[in-house]
Amino acid sequence: MTEEKQPSIQEVEMEKAGLHYGHKKTRNHPKAAYFTLKSSTELSFINLDETAKALEAALNFIKEIIEKGDTILFVGTIPGAKNGIEELAKKYDFPYVTNRWLGGTLTNFKTFNERIKYLKELEEKKKSGEWQKYTKHERRELEEEMAKLEEQFVGLKDTSKLPDVLFIVDPKIHDTAAKEARIIKIPIVAILDTDDDPTSINYPIPANDSAKSSIDYILDQVDQAIKQVKKIKN
């Protein structure tokens, strides 16, 4: 009689955080089959053995990136990811996107960077008092333009070069960002669910990619990995 494998402490923690919940079977991607458990219910479940292995590989890669002093662009615009992505990126001074992804952010970086420079010029002119020479109507128009740019580029204002890695929560939602990264050969780390194609991602982490508890669990692991390398370096 074969003894049933007992879940590891890590797997227990992952299950508690809800990482194992997938999508309805009708939405599953064929290439996600290797990490999708057979289920008698409508809902699919993720094999946490596969998640643990994938997470370890992704974290080791992230550690290498941090060791080299390279930059990670964090992307998560869904409600369950926004706060965690922003907090983690700000903690380590990395760029992030939590509002809508702007097409061409990576593939048309020169133009994108010019827009950021323009935003900074507007801010500097306002701060220096240069706006006072304009009429009230003109100042209001400048304020509106600056507010729009601020919203578009929040998390990206200090970006002066292309990132070395793209970290995405849900590559299906952020398919444009993922496509741009692939075009210019930027490695992608992604939290993805049973409805995603893991073969299009360099470091896929199979997990519930919509629940805040699941996303926060993985982001906390990323945080610990970055912190570990930075402590050693310092």
Protein backbone atom coordinates (compact mmCIF):
# COMPACT_ATOMS: atom_id res chain seq x y z
CA MET A 1 0.00 0.00 0.00
CA THR A 2 1.46 3.35 -1.04
CA GLU A 3 1.58 5.97 1.67
CA GLU A 4 -0.16 9.18 0.65
CA LYS A 5 2.22 12.12 0.25
CA GLN A 6 1.80 14.68 3.01
CA PRO A 7 1.74 18.34 1.96
CA SER A 8 4.75 20.42 2.91
CA ILE A 9 4.48 23.43 5.22
CA GLN A 10 4.87 25.64 2.15
CA GLU A 11 2.00 23.89 0.37
CA VAL A 12 -0.21 24.22 3.44
CA GLU A 13 0.53 27.98 3.51
CA MET A 14 -0.14 28.28 -0.22
CA GLU A 15 -3.45 26.46 0.11
CA LYS A 16 -4.43 28.68 3.03
CA ALA A 17 -3.75 31.72 0.83
CA GLY A 18 -5.92 30.25 -1.94
CA LEU A 19 -3.20 29.73 -4.54
CA HIS A 20 -4.75 26.43 -5.64
CA TYR A 21 -8.01 27.82 -7.02
CA GLY A 22 -8.11 27.83 -10.81
CA HIS A 23 -10.81 28.81 -13.30
CA LYS A 24 -13.81 26.91 -14.60
CA LYS A 25 -12.73 23.96 -16.73
CA THR A 26 -14.29 25.51 -19.82
CA ARG A 27 -11.79 28.38 -19.60
CA ASN A 28 -8.64 26.28 -19.14
CA HIS A 29 -5.76 26.64 -21.57
CA PRO A 30 -4.56 23.29 -23.00
CA LYS A 31 -0.92 24.13 -22.22
CA ALA A 32 -1.78 24.70 -18.55
CA ALA A 33 -2.67 21.02 -18.19
CA TYR A 34 0.64 20.11 -16.54
CA PHE A 35 -0.21 22.14 -13.44
CA THR A 36 -4.00 21.61 -13.49
CA LEU A 37 -5.33 18.84 -11.25
CA LYS A 38 -8.16 16.54 -12.32
CA SER A 39 -11.34 17.59 -10.59
CA SER A 40 -14.89 16.28 -10.34
CA THR A 41 -16.18 19.83 -9.92
CA GLU A 42 -16.71 22.65 -12.43
CA LEU A 43 -13.75 24.46 -10.94
CA SER A 44 -10.14 23.57 -11.74
CA PHE A 45 -7.45 23.29 -9.10
CA ILE A 46 -3.76 24.04 -9.39
CA ASN A 47 -1.11 21.49 -8.44
CA LEU A 48 0.80 23.23 -5.65
CA ASP A 49 3.79 20.93 -6.19
CA GLU A 50 4.21 22.62 -9.57
CA THR A 51 3.64 26.04 -8.01
CA ALA A 52 6.35 25.44 -5.41
CA LYS A 53 8.88 24.37 -8.07
CA ALA A 54 8.02 27.27 -10.37
CA LEU A 55 8.13 29.79 -7.54
CA GLU A 56 11.58 28.60 -6.49
CA ALA A 57 12.88 28.95 -10.06
CA ALA A 58 11.36 32.43 -10.40
CA LEU A 59 12.76 33.60 -7.06
CA ASN A 60 16.25 32.33 -7.93
CA PHE A 61 16.06 34.27 -11.20
CA ILE A 62 14.91 37.42 -9.39
CA LYS A 63 17.80 37.07 -6.95
CA GLU A 64 20.23 36.94 -9.90
CA ILE A 65 18.65 40.08 -11.34
CA ILE A 66 18.93 41.94 -8.02
CA GLU A 67 22.52 40.75 -7.57
CA LYS A 68 23.42 42.34 -10.93
CA GLY A 69 21.69 45.60 -9.99
CA ASP A 70 19.19 45.26 -12.82
CA THR A 71 15.66 46.67 -12.91
CA ILE A 72 12.30 44.91 -12.64
CA LEU A 73 9.14 46.55 -13.96
CA PHE A 74 6.16 45.34 -11.89
CA VAL A 75 2.76 45.28 -13.59
CA GLY A 76 -0.59 44.59 -11.94
CA THR A 77 -3.71 46.58 -12.79
CA ILE A 78 -6.37 44.23 -11.40
CA PRO A 79 -7.89 45.15 -7.99
CA GLY A 80 -6.26 42.25 -6.14
CA ALA A 81 -2.77 43.22 -7.34
CA LYS A 82 -2.65 47.03 -7.36
CA ASN A 83 -1.73 47.76 -3.74
CA GLY A 84 0.75 44.91 -3.38
CA ILE A 85 2.52 45.76 -6.64
CA GLU A 86 2.79 49.44 -5.74
CA GLU A 87 4.05 48.77 -2.21
CA LEU A 88 6.69 46.26 -3.34
CA ALA A 89 7.94 48.41 -6.22
CA LYS A 90 8.13 51.56 -4.10
CA LYS A 91 9.95 49.70 -1.33
CA TYR A 92 12.87 48.96 -3.68
CA ASP A 93 12.56 51.96 -6.03
CA PHE A 94 11.43 49.87 -8.98
CA PRO A 95 9.08 51.13 -11.70
CA TYR A 96 5.51 49.87 -11.70
CA VAL A 97 2.22 50.05 -13.59
CA THR A 98 -1.04 49.79 -11.66
CA ASN A 99 -3.22 51.83 -14.02
CA ARG A 100 -3.80 51.04 -17.69
CA TRP A 101 -0.79 49.74 -19.64
CA LEU A 102 0.13 52.26 -22.34
CA GLY A 103 0.80 50.58 -25.67
CA GLY A 104 4.39 51.16 -26.74
CA THR A 105 5.74 51.54 -23.21
CA LEU A 106 8.49 49.06 -24.13
CA THR A 107 8.47 48.85 -27.93
CA ASN A 108 8.30 52.62 -28.45
CA PHE A 109 10.34 53.56 -25.41
CA LYS A 110 11.98 56.63 -26.97
CA THR A 111 8.62 58.36 -27.50
CA PHE A 112 7.41 57.16 -24.11
CA ASN A 113 10.48 58.63 -22.44
CA GLU A 114 9.96 61.98 -24.22
CA ARG A 115 6.48 62.18 -22.71
CA ILE A 116 7.91 61.61 -19.23
CA LYS A 117 10.45 64.38 -19.84
CA TYR A 118 7.63 66.68 -20.91
CA LEU A 119 5.71 65.90 -17.71
CA LYS A 120 8.77 66.75 -15.64
CA GLU A 121 9.19 70.01 -17.55
CA LEU A 122 5.59 70.96 -16.79
CA GLU A 123 6.12 70.21 -13.11
CA GLU A 124 9.33 72.24 -13.00
CA LYS A 125 7.77 75.24 -14.76
CA LYS A 126 4.83 75.22 -12.36
CA LYS A 127 7.14 74.97 -9.36
CA SER A 128 9.34 77.85 -10.60
CA GLY A 129 6.36 80.13 -11.04
CA GLU A 130 6.69 80.29 -14.82
CA TRP A 131 3.00 79.45 -15.19
CA GLN A 132 2.08 82.85 -13.79
CA LYS A 133 2.67 84.45 -17.19
CA TYR A 134 -0.25 82.46 -18.60
CA THR A 135 -3.93 83.34 -18.36
CA LYS A 136 -6.18 81.59 -15.85
CA HIS A 137 -7.71 79.53 -18.66
CA GLU A 138 -4.28 78.51 -19.98
CA ARG A 139 -3.11 77.51 -16.49
CA ARG A 140 -6.22 75.37 -16.04
CA GLU A 141 -5.49 73.61 -19.33
CA LEU A 142 -1.90 72.96 -18.24
CA GLU A 143 -3.14 71.61 -14.90
CA GLU A 144 -5.49 69.21 -16.68
CA GLU A 145 -2.76 68.08 -19.06
CA MET A 146 -0.32 67.51 -16.21
CA ALA A 147 -2.91 65.58 -14.16
CA LYS A 148 -3.60 63.33 -17.15
CA LEU A 149 0.10 62.65 -17.66
CA GLU A 150 0.57 62.04 -13.93
CA GLU A 151 -2.13 59.38 -14.03
CA GLN A 152 -0.64 57.75 -17.11
CA PHE A 153 2.92 57.67 -15.84
CA VAL A 154 2.43 57.05 -12.13
CA GLY A 155 5.13 54.59 -11.12
CA LEU A 156 7.16 55.29 -14.25
CA LYS A 157 8.30 58.90 -13.82
CA ASP A 158 11.84 57.94 -12.82
CA THR A 159 12.21 55.45 -15.66
CA SER A 160 15.08 56.47 -17.93
CA LYS A 161 15.89 53.07 -19.48
CA LEU A 162 14.15 49.89 -20.47
CA PRO A 163 13.63 47.41 -17.62
CA ASP A 164 15.64 44.20 -17.56
CA VAL A 165 12.71 42.05 -16.40
CA LEU A 166 8.92 42.31 -16.56
CA PHE A 167 6.93 40.93 -13.60
CA ILE A 168 3.23 40.53 -14.42
CA VAL A 169 0.18 39.51 -12.45
CA ASP A 170 -2.09 37.78 -15.00
CA PRO A 171 -0.48 37.83 -18.47
CA LYS A 172 -3.86 37.33 -20.15
CA ILE A 173 -5.12 40.67 -18.80
CA HIS A 174 -1.74 42.23 -19.62
CA ASP A 175 -1.25 40.55 -22.98
CA THR A 176 -0.02 43.79 -24.63
CA ALA A 177 2.71 44.22 -22.01
CA ALA A 178 3.75 40.59 -22.40
CA LYS A 179 3.82 40.84 -26.21
CA GLU A 180 5.99 43.97 -26.08
CA ALA A 181 8.42 42.27 -23.70
CA ARG A 182 8.69 39.26 -26.00
CA ILE A 183 9.30 41.47 -29.05
CA ILE A 184 12.31 43.14 -27.45
CA LYS A 185 13.36 39.99 -25.59
CA ILE A 186 12.82 41.12 -22.00
CA PRO A 187 12.37 38.07 -19.73
CA ILE A 188 8.93 37.74 -18.15
CA VAL A 189 8.05 36.46 -14.68
CA ALA A 190 4.30 36.02 -14.26
CA ILE A 191 1.70 34.83 -11.80
CA LEU A 192 -0.72 32.95 -14.06
CA ASP A 193 -3.82 30.81 -13.75
CA THR A 194 -5.31 27.81 -15.56
CA ASP A 195 -6.60 30.01 -18.40
CA ASP A 196 -3.12 31.21 -19.39
CA ASP A 197 -0.48 29.83 -21.75
CA PRO A 198 2.59 29.22 -19.54
CA THR A 199 4.83 28.45 -22.54
CA SER A 200 4.85 32.13 -23.55
CA ILE A 201 6.34 33.14 -20.18
CA ASN A 202 10.00 32.67 -19.17
CA TYR A 203 9.20 32.09 -15.49
CA PRO A 204 5.53 31.14 -15.07
CA ILE A 205 4.22 30.82 -11.50
CA PRO A 206 0.96 28.82 -11.53
CA ALA A 207 -1.41 30.28 -8.94
CA ASN A 208 -4.73 32.01 -8.48
CA ASP A 209 -3.97 35.29 -10.25
CA SER A 210 -7.04 37.26 -9.17
CA ALA A 211 -7.39 36.72 -5.40
CA LYS A 212 -5.54 39.29 -3.29
CA SER A 213 -4.47 36.67 -0.72
CA SER A 214 -2.81 34.55 -3.41
CA ILE A 215 -1.09 37.48 -5.11
CA ASP A 216 0.08 38.90 -1.77
CA TYR A 217 1.57 35.54 -0.80
CA ILE A 218 3.74 35.44 -3.93
CA LEU A 219 4.67 39.12 -3.72
CA ASP A 220 5.77 38.52 -0.14
CA GLN A 221 8.05 35.72 -1.35
CA VAL A 222 9.48 38.09 -3.97
CA ASP A 223 9.97 40.72 -1.26
CA GLN A 224 11.87 38.24 0.92
CA ALA A 225 14.08 37.19 -2.00
CA ILE A 226 14.98 40.80 -2.87
CA LYS A 227 15.59 41.64 0.79
CA GLN A 228 17.89 38.63 1.19
CA VAL A 229 20.13 39.68 -1.71
CA LYS A 230 20.21 43.34 -0.67
CA LYS A 231 21.24 42.40 2.89
CA ILE A 232 24.10 40.29 1.57
CA LYS A 233 25.20 43.06 -0.82
CA ASN A 234 25.12 45.68 1.92
